[in-house]
Amino acid sequence: MDTIKTLIFNRFKIISLLTVSMALSIVLLMIRMKLHQSFYLLFLVWNLFLAIIPFAITTGLASPKKTPKLTLLFFFGIWLLFLPNAPYIVTDLLHLTRTDQSFLWLDILVIMSFAFNGLILFFLSLSDMEKLLKHHLKPKTLTLVMLSIFGLTAFGIYLGRFLRYNSWEIINNPLALFSDIFEIIVQPNIEAWIFTVTFGSFLAISYWMLKAFSNSKM
């Protein structure tokens, strides 16, 4: 319990800002529901909850002490499994094609606010994991791992958005999941690879730009 209190205290500012931002997203969604008399887009709340999980994992691992390698490896696997859920919300913009044209601007604002929170959670969690991995990996190896994370995250988003797989289906339905992954790899799927490369590049460039901005002295 003391460890949890210490972690929350050390990250109080970040957690407070995230709470305010996520609360605003929910308020915007409630306004949208009231105006449209519809529960459409309510799924964004669930998607945001899933986006919090990888951030919660790295926040829990954050400690002045060095995390044991085996412990880090175990939680890294779980973290990587849930990580695509954070930037996945960006693809919810596709739902704008199905929304009513009245108050379209509000629908855009609602989805963008949830997507923004998802990306922020992704970047914060990734930054935490990078710091944790620095204690165990050489710089060149760390760079390769980071590049792999961006690619795997983008591929995971593709599996979720277009093939409708969830993170826990690696346990519930592993045969179908790995069968589809194998098919994508063996039989060229242009859409899958273009999505993975472009979305992965977007995440990588955005992350490194934010790192550069945060490290620059203005």
Protein backbone atom coordinates (compact mmCIF):
# COMPACT_ATOMS: atom_id res chain seq x y z
CA MET A 1 0.00 0.00 0.00
CA ASP A 2 2.85 2.39 0.84
CA THR A 3 4.41 1.69 -2.56
CA ILE A 4 1.16 2.58 -4.33
CA LYS A 5 0.86 5.80 -2.33
CA THR A 6 4.45 6.72 -3.19
CA LEU A 7 3.92 6.08 -6.90
CA ILE A 8 0.72 8.15 -6.97
CA PHE A 9 2.43 10.99 -5.06
CA ASN A 10 5.44 10.98 -7.40
CA ARG A 11 3.20 11.08 -10.49
CA PHE A 12 0.50 13.28 -8.98
CA LYS A 13 0.76 16.02 -11.61
CA ILE A 14 0.65 13.63 -14.57
CA ILE A 15 -2.19 11.57 -13.10
CA SER A 16 -4.14 14.73 -12.24
CA LEU A 17 -3.82 16.14 -15.75
CA LEU A 18 -4.77 12.80 -17.28
CA THR A 19 -7.81 12.59 -15.01
CA VAL A 20 -8.96 16.08 -16.03
CA SER A 21 -8.41 15.33 -19.71
CA MET A 22 -10.25 12.01 -19.57
CA ALA A 23 -13.08 13.58 -17.56
CA LEU A 24 -13.47 16.20 -20.30
CA SER A 25 -13.70 13.44 -22.90
CA ILE A 26 -16.49 11.75 -20.94
CA VAL A 27 -18.34 15.05 -20.48
CA LEU A 28 -18.15 15.72 -24.22
CA LEU A 29 -19.48 12.21 -24.86
CA MET A 30 -22.37 12.82 -22.43
CA ILE A 31 -23.23 16.06 -24.22
CA ARG A 32 -23.18 14.18 -27.51
CA MET A 33 -25.45 11.47 -26.10
CA LYS A 34 -27.89 14.09 -24.81
CA LEU A 35 -28.08 16.02 -28.09
CA HIS A 36 -28.38 12.92 -30.28
CA GLN A 37 -30.46 10.88 -27.82
CA SER A 38 -28.16 7.96 -28.65
CA PHE A 39 -25.61 5.77 -26.89
CA TYR A 40 -23.51 5.56 -30.05
CA LEU A 41 -19.78 6.14 -29.33
CA LEU A 42 -20.24 4.91 -25.76
CA PHE A 43 -17.72 2.18 -26.64
CA LEU A 44 -15.04 4.88 -26.44
CA VAL A 45 -15.18 4.67 -22.65
CA TRP A 46 -14.25 0.97 -22.78
CA ASN A 47 -11.50 1.67 -25.32
CA LEU A 48 -10.11 4.36 -23.03
CA PHE A 49 -10.14 1.95 -20.08
CA LEU A 50 -8.10 -0.55 -22.12
CA ALA A 51 -5.70 2.28 -23.04
CA ILE A 52 -5.04 2.91 -19.35
CA ILE A 53 -3.82 -0.64 -18.70
CA PRO A 54 -0.29 -0.34 -20.24
CA PHE A 55 0.22 2.99 -18.45
CA ALA A 56 -0.90 1.39 -15.18
CA ILE A 57 1.60 -1.45 -15.70
CA THR A 58 4.60 0.83 -16.28
CA THR A 59 3.50 3.11 -13.45
CA GLY A 60 3.46 0.09 -11.17
CA LEU A 61 6.93 -0.92 -12.35
CA ALA A 62 8.32 2.57 -11.78
CA SER A 63 10.59 2.42 -8.75
CA PRO A 64 13.87 3.92 -7.55
CA LYS A 65 15.15 0.34 -7.37
CA LYS A 66 16.18 -1.60 -10.44
CA THR A 67 13.44 -3.99 -11.58
CA PRO A 68 14.68 -7.62 -11.73
CA LYS A 69 15.16 -8.86 -15.29
CA LEU A 70 12.71 -11.76 -15.03
CA THR A 71 10.05 -9.55 -13.46
CA LEU A 72 10.51 -6.95 -16.16
CA LEU A 73 10.38 -9.60 -18.90
CA PHE A 74 7.11 -11.00 -17.53
CA PHE A 75 5.38 -7.65 -17.29
CA PHE A 76 6.89 -6.51 -20.59
CA GLY A 77 5.01 -9.32 -22.34
CA ILE A 78 1.70 -8.35 -20.71
CA TRP A 79 2.37 -4.66 -21.37
CA LEU A 80 3.15 -5.27 -25.04
CA LEU A 81 -0.04 -7.31 -25.39
CA PHE A 82 -2.20 -4.40 -24.19
CA LEU A 83 -0.14 -1.53 -25.63
CA PRO A 84 -1.94 -1.36 -29.02
CA ASN A 85 -5.17 -0.52 -27.18
CA ALA A 86 -3.86 2.97 -26.41
CA PRO A 87 -3.22 4.35 -29.93
CA TYR A 88 -6.01 2.11 -31.31
CA ILE A 89 -8.53 4.84 -30.41
CA VAL A 90 -7.15 6.95 -33.28
CA THR A 91 -8.72 4.47 -35.70
CA ASP A 92 -12.13 5.10 -34.11
CA LEU A 93 -12.22 8.17 -36.35
CA LEU A 94 -13.46 5.71 -38.99
CA HIS A 95 -16.81 5.78 -37.18
CA LEU A 96 -17.33 9.36 -38.38
CA THR A 97 -18.49 7.90 -41.69
CA ARG A 98 -21.49 6.41 -39.87
CA THR A 99 -22.48 9.41 -37.77
CA ASP A 100 -25.31 11.83 -38.35
CA GLN A 101 -24.20 14.99 -40.17
CA SER A 102 -25.91 17.17 -37.58
CA PHE A 103 -23.36 18.19 -34.96
CA LEU A 104 -20.65 16.37 -36.90
CA TRP A 105 -18.13 18.74 -35.36
CA LEU A 106 -19.10 17.43 -31.91
CA ASP A 107 -18.56 13.83 -32.98
CA ILE A 108 -15.13 14.80 -34.31
CA LEU A 109 -14.32 16.56 -31.04
CA VAL A 110 -15.48 13.60 -28.94
CA ILE A 111 -13.47 10.99 -30.82
CA MET A 112 -10.41 13.25 -31.10
CA SER A 113 -10.43 13.90 -27.35
CA PHE A 114 -10.50 10.16 -26.59
CA ALA A 115 -7.84 9.51 -29.26
CA PHE A 116 -5.67 12.26 -27.77
CA ASN A 117 -5.84 10.64 -24.35
CA GLY A 118 -5.02 7.28 -25.88
CA LEU A 119 -1.93 8.66 -27.58
CA ILE A 120 -0.78 10.47 -24.44
CA LEU A 121 -1.16 7.27 -22.41
CA PHE A 122 0.77 5.41 -25.11
CA PHE A 123 3.67 7.89 -25.15
CA LEU A 124 3.89 8.11 -21.36
CA SER A 125 3.83 4.34 -20.95
CA LEU A 126 6.38 3.86 -23.74
CA SER A 127 8.69 6.43 -22.15
CA ASP A 128 8.44 4.59 -18.83
CA MET A 129 9.23 1.25 -20.46
CA GLU A 130 12.18 2.72 -22.35
CA LYS A 131 13.65 3.95 -19.06
CA LEU A 132 13.15 0.53 -17.49
CA LEU A 133 14.77 -1.27 -20.43
CA LYS A 134 17.79 1.05 -20.32
CA HIS A 135 18.91 -0.70 -17.14
CA HIS A 136 19.15 -4.05 -18.94
CA LEU A 137 19.88 -3.36 -22.62
CA LYS A 138 22.71 -1.77 -24.56
CA PRO A 139 21.83 1.41 -26.52
CA LYS A 140 21.83 -0.29 -29.95
CA THR A 141 19.74 -3.20 -28.69
CA LEU A 142 17.34 -0.78 -27.02
CA THR A 143 16.89 1.11 -30.31
CA LEU A 144 16.04 -2.13 -32.11
CA VAL A 145 13.58 -3.10 -29.39
CA MET A 146 11.89 0.31 -29.58
CA LEU A 147 11.56 0.06 -33.35
CA SER A 148 10.09 -3.41 -32.95
CA ILE A 149 7.58 -2.09 -30.40
CA PHE A 150 6.30 0.52 -32.85
CA GLY A 151 5.91 -2.10 -35.55
CA LEU A 152 4.23 -4.65 -33.30
CA THR A 153 1.90 -2.00 -31.89
CA ALA A 154 0.81 -0.93 -35.36
CA PHE A 155 0.32 -4.57 -36.40
CA GLY A 156 -1.69 -5.18 -33.23
CA ILE A 157 -3.92 -2.24 -34.09
CA TYR A 158 -4.48 -3.71 -37.54
CA LEU A 159 -5.49 -7.05 -36.01
CA GLY A 160 -7.91 -5.29 -33.70
CA ARG A 161 -9.44 -2.86 -36.16
CA PHE A 162 -9.73 -4.98 -39.30
CA LEU A 163 -9.69 -8.57 -38.04
CA ARG A 164 -11.53 -7.69 -34.79
CA TYR A 165 -9.16 -9.45 -32.40
CA ASN A 166 -8.91 -8.43 -28.74
CA SER A 167 -5.79 -8.53 -26.55
CA TRP A 168 -7.03 -11.47 -24.49
CA GLU A 169 -7.71 -13.64 -27.54
CA ILE A 170 -4.10 -14.77 -27.43
CA ILE A 171 -5.40 -16.91 -24.55
CA ASN A 172 -9.05 -17.45 -25.56
CA ASN A 173 -8.54 -18.08 -29.26
CA PRO A 174 -4.80 -18.48 -29.96
CA LEU A 175 -5.13 -20.90 -32.90
CA ALA A 176 -7.29 -18.58 -34.99
CA LEU A 177 -5.15 -15.57 -34.06
CA PHE A 178 -1.81 -17.14 -34.97
CA SER A 179 -3.34 -18.72 -38.05
CA ASP A 180 -4.36 -15.29 -39.36
CA ILE A 181 -0.99 -13.80 -38.43
CA PHE A 182 0.80 -16.62 -40.26
CA GLU A 183 -1.40 -16.10 -43.31
CA ILE A 184 -0.62 -12.37 -43.38
CA ILE A 185 3.10 -13.13 -43.22
CA VAL A 186 3.14 -15.97 -45.75
CA GLN A 187 0.59 -14.62 -48.20
CA PRO A 188 1.37 -10.95 -48.92
CA ASN A 189 -1.39 -8.73 -47.52
CA ILE A 190 -0.66 -5.29 -48.91
CA GLU A 191 -3.21 -3.51 -46.72
CA ALA A 192 -1.81 -5.08 -43.53
CA TRP A 193 1.79 -4.19 -44.33
CA ILE A 194 1.03 -0.66 -45.54
CA PHE A 195 -1.02 -0.01 -42.40
CA THR A 196 1.69 -1.46 -40.14
CA VAL A 197 4.51 0.55 -41.75
CA THR A 198 2.64 3.85 -42.00
CA PHE A 199 0.98 3.75 -38.58
CA GLY A 200 4.16 2.46 -36.96
CA SER A 201 6.11 5.32 -38.57
CA PHE A 202 3.52 7.81 -37.33
CA LEU A 203 3.87 6.53 -33.76
CA ALA A 204 7.68 6.44 -33.90
CA ILE A 205 8.10 9.94 -35.34
CA SER A 206 5.51 11.40 -32.96
CA TYR A 207 7.21 9.78 -29.96
CA TRP A 208 10.70 10.94 -30.88
CA MET A 209 9.45 14.45 -31.67
CA LEU A 210 7.82 14.69 -28.25
CA LYS A 211 11.03 13.43 -26.63
CA ALA A 212 13.03 16.07 -28.50
CA PHE A 213 10.61 18.80 -27.43
CA SER A 214 10.65 17.68 -23.78
CA ASN A 215 14.47 17.58 -23.73
CA SER A 216 14.97 20.94 -25.44
CA LYS A 217 15.56 24.02 -23.32
CA MET A 218 13.32 26.82 -24.53
